[in-house]
């Protein structure tokens, strides 16, 4: 009948937020930067396309993962 809502404790909420921010930063900033600066075997436009593709895929993956965690009431 009624759904049971679990309260998220402050330490767990802070830890969840820190992990989410760290994963987002690494996936959306660090890895595209590495793709742009470290791959030298292709020209700049191909590196930009690769980094842009990674960014979009990472963003969709992060959003999907956060939604799944929310659905399972982990966050």
N, C-alpha and C. Protein backbone atom coordinates (compact mmCIF):
# COMPACT_ATOMS: atom_id res chain seq x y z
N UNK A 1 0.83 -1.18 0.00
CA UNK A 1 0.00 0.00 0.00
C UNK A 1 0.88 1.25 0.00
N UNK A 2 1.48 1.55 1.14
CA UNK A 2 2.34 2.73 1.22
C UNK A 2 3.80 2.32 1.04
N UNK A 3 4.56 3.19 0.46
CA UNK A 3 5.97 2.88 0.27
C UNK A 3 6.77 3.33 1.49
N UNK A 4 7.76 2.57 1.83
CA UNK A 4 8.61 2.89 2.96
C UNK A 4 9.76 3.73 2.43
N UNK A 5 9.91 4.94 2.98
CA UNK A 5 10.99 5.83 2.57
C UNK A 5 12.09 5.78 3.61
N UNK A 6 13.27 5.36 3.16
CA UNK A 6 14.41 5.34 4.06
C UNK A 6 15.07 6.71 4.03
N UNK A 7 15.45 7.18 5.19
CA UNK A 7 16.19 8.43 5.29
C UNK A 7 17.66 8.14 5.01
N UNK A 8 18.28 9.00 4.24
CA UNK A 8 19.69 8.88 3.96
C UNK A 8 20.45 9.66 5.02
N UNK A 9 21.37 8.99 5.71
CA UNK A 9 22.12 9.66 6.77
C UNK A 9 23.06 10.71 6.15
N UNK A 10 23.43 11.71 6.96
CA UNK A 10 24.32 12.77 6.47
C UNK A 10 25.66 12.24 6.00
N UNK A 11 26.32 11.37 6.75
CA UNK A 11 27.62 10.87 6.26
C UNK A 11 27.49 10.13 4.92
N UNK A 12 26.46 9.33 4.79
CA UNK A 12 26.26 8.60 3.54
C UNK A 12 25.91 9.54 2.40
N UNK A 13 25.11 10.56 2.68
CA UNK A 13 24.76 11.55 1.66
C UNK A 13 26.00 12.31 1.19
N UNK A 14 26.85 12.69 2.13
CA UNK A 14 28.08 13.41 1.78
C UNK A 14 29.00 12.51 0.97
N UNK A 15 29.16 11.27 1.40
CA UNK A 15 30.00 10.33 0.68
C UNK A 15 29.46 10.08 -0.73
N UNK A 16 28.15 9.90 -0.85
CA UNK A 16 27.54 9.68 -2.16
C UNK A 16 27.77 10.88 -3.08
N UNK A 17 27.63 12.08 -2.54
CA UNK A 17 27.84 13.28 -3.33
C UNK A 17 29.29 13.41 -3.77
N UNK A 18 30.23 13.13 -2.87
CA UNK A 18 31.65 13.21 -3.22
C UNK A 18 32.02 12.20 -4.30
N UNK A 19 31.50 10.98 -4.19
CA UNK A 19 31.77 9.96 -5.20
C UNK A 19 31.17 10.38 -6.54
N UNK A 20 29.94 10.89 -6.53
CA UNK A 20 29.30 11.32 -7.78
C UNK A 20 30.07 12.45 -8.44
N UNK A 21 30.52 13.41 -7.65
CA UNK A 21 31.29 14.53 -8.21
C UNK A 21 32.64 14.05 -8.74
N UNK A 22 33.29 13.16 -8.02
CA UNK A 22 34.59 12.63 -8.46
C UNK A 22 34.45 11.85 -9.77
N UNK A 23 33.45 11.00 -9.85
CA UNK A 23 33.24 10.22 -11.08
C UNK A 23 32.91 11.15 -12.24
N UNK A 24 32.06 12.13 -12.01
CA UNK A 24 31.70 13.08 -13.06
C UNK A 24 32.93 13.89 -13.50
N UNK A 25 33.74 14.34 -12.56
CA UNK A 25 34.92 15.12 -12.90
C UNK A 25 35.91 14.30 -13.73
N UNK A 26 36.15 13.08 -13.30
CA UNK A 26 37.08 12.23 -14.03
C UNK A 26 36.53 11.90 -15.42
N UNK A 27 35.25 11.53 -15.48
CA UNK A 27 34.67 11.13 -16.76
C UNK A 27 34.44 12.27 -17.72
N UNK A 28 34.15 13.47 -17.21
CA UNK A 28 33.78 14.58 -18.08
C UNK A 28 34.88 15.61 -18.28
N UNK A 29 35.92 15.59 -17.43
CA UNK A 29 36.99 16.59 -17.55
C UNK A 29 38.34 15.93 -17.79
N UNK A 30 38.73 15.02 -16.91
CA UNK A 30 40.07 14.46 -16.97
C UNK A 30 40.28 13.61 -18.22
N UNK A 31 39.39 12.67 -18.47
CA UNK A 31 39.58 11.78 -19.62
C UNK A 31 39.52 12.53 -20.95
N UNK A 32 38.54 13.44 -21.18
CA UNK A 32 38.60 14.20 -22.43
C UNK A 32 39.89 15.02 -22.57
N UNK A 33 40.38 15.58 -21.47
CA UNK A 33 41.63 16.33 -21.52
C UNK A 33 42.79 15.42 -21.93
N UNK A 34 42.83 14.23 -21.37
CA UNK A 34 43.87 13.28 -21.74
C UNK A 34 43.76 12.89 -23.22
N UNK A 35 42.54 12.70 -23.68
CA UNK A 35 42.35 12.36 -25.10
C UNK A 35 42.86 13.47 -26.00
N UNK A 36 42.61 14.70 -25.61
CA UNK A 36 43.05 15.83 -26.44
C UNK A 36 44.56 16.03 -26.38
N UNK A 37 45.17 15.80 -25.23
CA UNK A 37 46.58 16.14 -25.08
C UNK A 37 47.54 14.98 -25.32
N UNK A 38 47.10 13.75 -25.14
CA UNK A 38 48.03 12.62 -25.20
C UNK A 38 48.02 11.86 -26.51
N UNK A 39 46.93 11.88 -27.23
CA UNK A 39 46.88 11.15 -28.50
C UNK A 39 47.48 12.04 -29.58
N UNK A 40 48.63 11.65 -30.07
CA UNK A 40 49.31 12.47 -31.06
C UNK A 40 49.32 11.83 -32.44
N UNK A 41 48.81 10.63 -32.57
CA UNK A 41 48.85 9.93 -33.85
C UNK A 41 47.76 10.38 -34.82
N UNK A 42 46.81 11.18 -34.34
CA UNK A 42 45.73 11.68 -35.21
C UNK A 42 45.72 13.20 -35.15
N UNK A 43 45.09 13.82 -36.14
CA UNK A 43 45.08 15.28 -36.14
C UNK A 43 44.09 15.83 -35.13
N UNK A 44 44.12 17.14 -34.96
CA UNK A 44 43.36 17.79 -33.89
C UNK A 44 41.86 17.58 -34.02
N UNK A 45 41.34 17.67 -35.23
CA UNK A 45 39.89 17.53 -35.41
C UNK A 45 39.42 16.13 -35.03
N UNK A 46 40.23 15.12 -35.28
CA UNK A 46 39.86 13.76 -34.88
C UNK A 46 39.92 13.61 -33.36
N UNK A 47 40.92 14.24 -32.73
CA UNK A 47 40.99 14.20 -31.26
C UNK A 47 39.79 14.90 -30.64
N UNK A 48 39.40 16.03 -31.21
CA UNK A 48 38.23 16.76 -30.71
C UNK A 48 36.98 15.91 -30.85
N UNK A 49 36.82 15.25 -31.99
CA UNK A 49 35.66 14.38 -32.20
C UNK A 49 35.67 13.22 -31.20
N UNK A 50 36.83 12.65 -30.96
CA UNK A 50 36.95 11.55 -30.00
C UNK A 50 36.60 12.02 -28.59
N UNK A 51 37.14 13.17 -28.19
CA UNK A 51 36.86 13.71 -26.85
C UNK A 51 35.39 14.08 -26.71
N UNK A 52 34.81 14.65 -27.76
CA UNK A 52 33.39 15.02 -27.71
C UNK A 52 32.52 13.77 -27.61
N UNK A 53 32.85 12.75 -28.39
CA UNK A 53 32.12 11.49 -28.30
C UNK A 53 32.21 10.87 -26.93
N UNK A 54 33.43 10.87 -26.36
CA UNK A 54 33.61 10.34 -25.00
C UNK A 54 32.77 11.13 -24.00
N UNK A 55 32.79 12.46 -24.12
CA UNK A 55 32.04 13.31 -23.20
C UNK A 55 30.56 12.97 -23.23
N UNK A 56 30.00 12.83 -24.42
CA UNK A 56 28.57 12.54 -24.55
C UNK A 56 28.25 11.16 -23.97
N UNK A 57 29.06 10.17 -24.32
CA UNK A 57 28.83 8.81 -23.80
C UNK A 57 28.98 8.79 -22.28
N UNK A 58 30.00 9.47 -21.75
CA UNK A 58 30.20 9.50 -20.30
C UNK A 58 29.05 10.21 -19.60
N UNK A 59 28.58 11.32 -20.18
CA UNK A 59 27.47 12.05 -19.58
C UNK A 59 26.21 11.20 -19.52
N UNK A 60 25.89 10.54 -20.62
CA UNK A 60 24.71 9.67 -20.65
C UNK A 60 24.88 8.52 -19.66
N UNK A 61 26.09 7.94 -19.58
CA UNK A 61 26.34 6.85 -18.64
C UNK A 61 26.20 7.30 -17.19
N UNK A 62 26.73 8.47 -16.88
CA UNK A 62 26.63 8.99 -15.52
C UNK A 62 25.17 9.28 -15.16
N UNK A 63 24.44 9.90 -16.08
CA UNK A 63 23.03 10.19 -15.82
C UNK A 63 22.23 8.90 -15.64
N UNK A 64 22.50 7.91 -16.48
CA UNK A 64 21.81 6.63 -16.36
C UNK A 64 22.14 5.97 -15.02
N UNK A 65 23.43 5.98 -14.66
CA UNK A 65 23.84 5.37 -13.39
C UNK A 65 23.22 6.05 -12.18
N UNK A 66 23.19 7.39 -12.20
CA UNK A 66 22.55 8.12 -11.09
C UNK A 66 21.07 7.81 -11.00
N UNK A 67 20.42 7.70 -12.14
CA UNK A 67 18.99 7.37 -12.14
C UNK A 67 18.74 5.97 -11.58
N UNK A 68 19.60 5.01 -11.96
CA UNK A 68 19.46 3.65 -11.44
C UNK A 68 19.68 3.62 -9.93
N UNK A 69 20.68 4.37 -9.44
CA UNK A 69 20.93 4.42 -8.00
C UNK A 69 19.75 5.07 -7.27
N UNK A 70 19.19 6.08 -7.88
CA UNK A 70 18.03 6.75 -7.29
C UNK A 70 16.82 5.80 -7.27
N UNK A 71 16.65 5.06 -8.33
CA UNK A 71 15.53 4.12 -8.44
C UNK A 71 15.64 3.03 -7.38
N UNK A 72 16.85 2.60 -7.10
CA UNK A 72 17.07 1.55 -6.10
C UNK A 72 17.19 2.12 -4.69
N UNK A 73 16.99 3.41 -4.56
CA UNK A 73 17.02 4.14 -3.29
C UNK A 73 18.37 4.02 -2.59
N UNK A 74 19.44 4.00 -3.39
CA UNK A 74 20.79 4.03 -2.84
C UNK A 74 21.18 5.46 -2.54
N UNK A 75 20.72 6.36 -3.40
CA UNK A 75 20.99 7.79 -3.17
C UNK A 75 19.68 8.52 -3.09
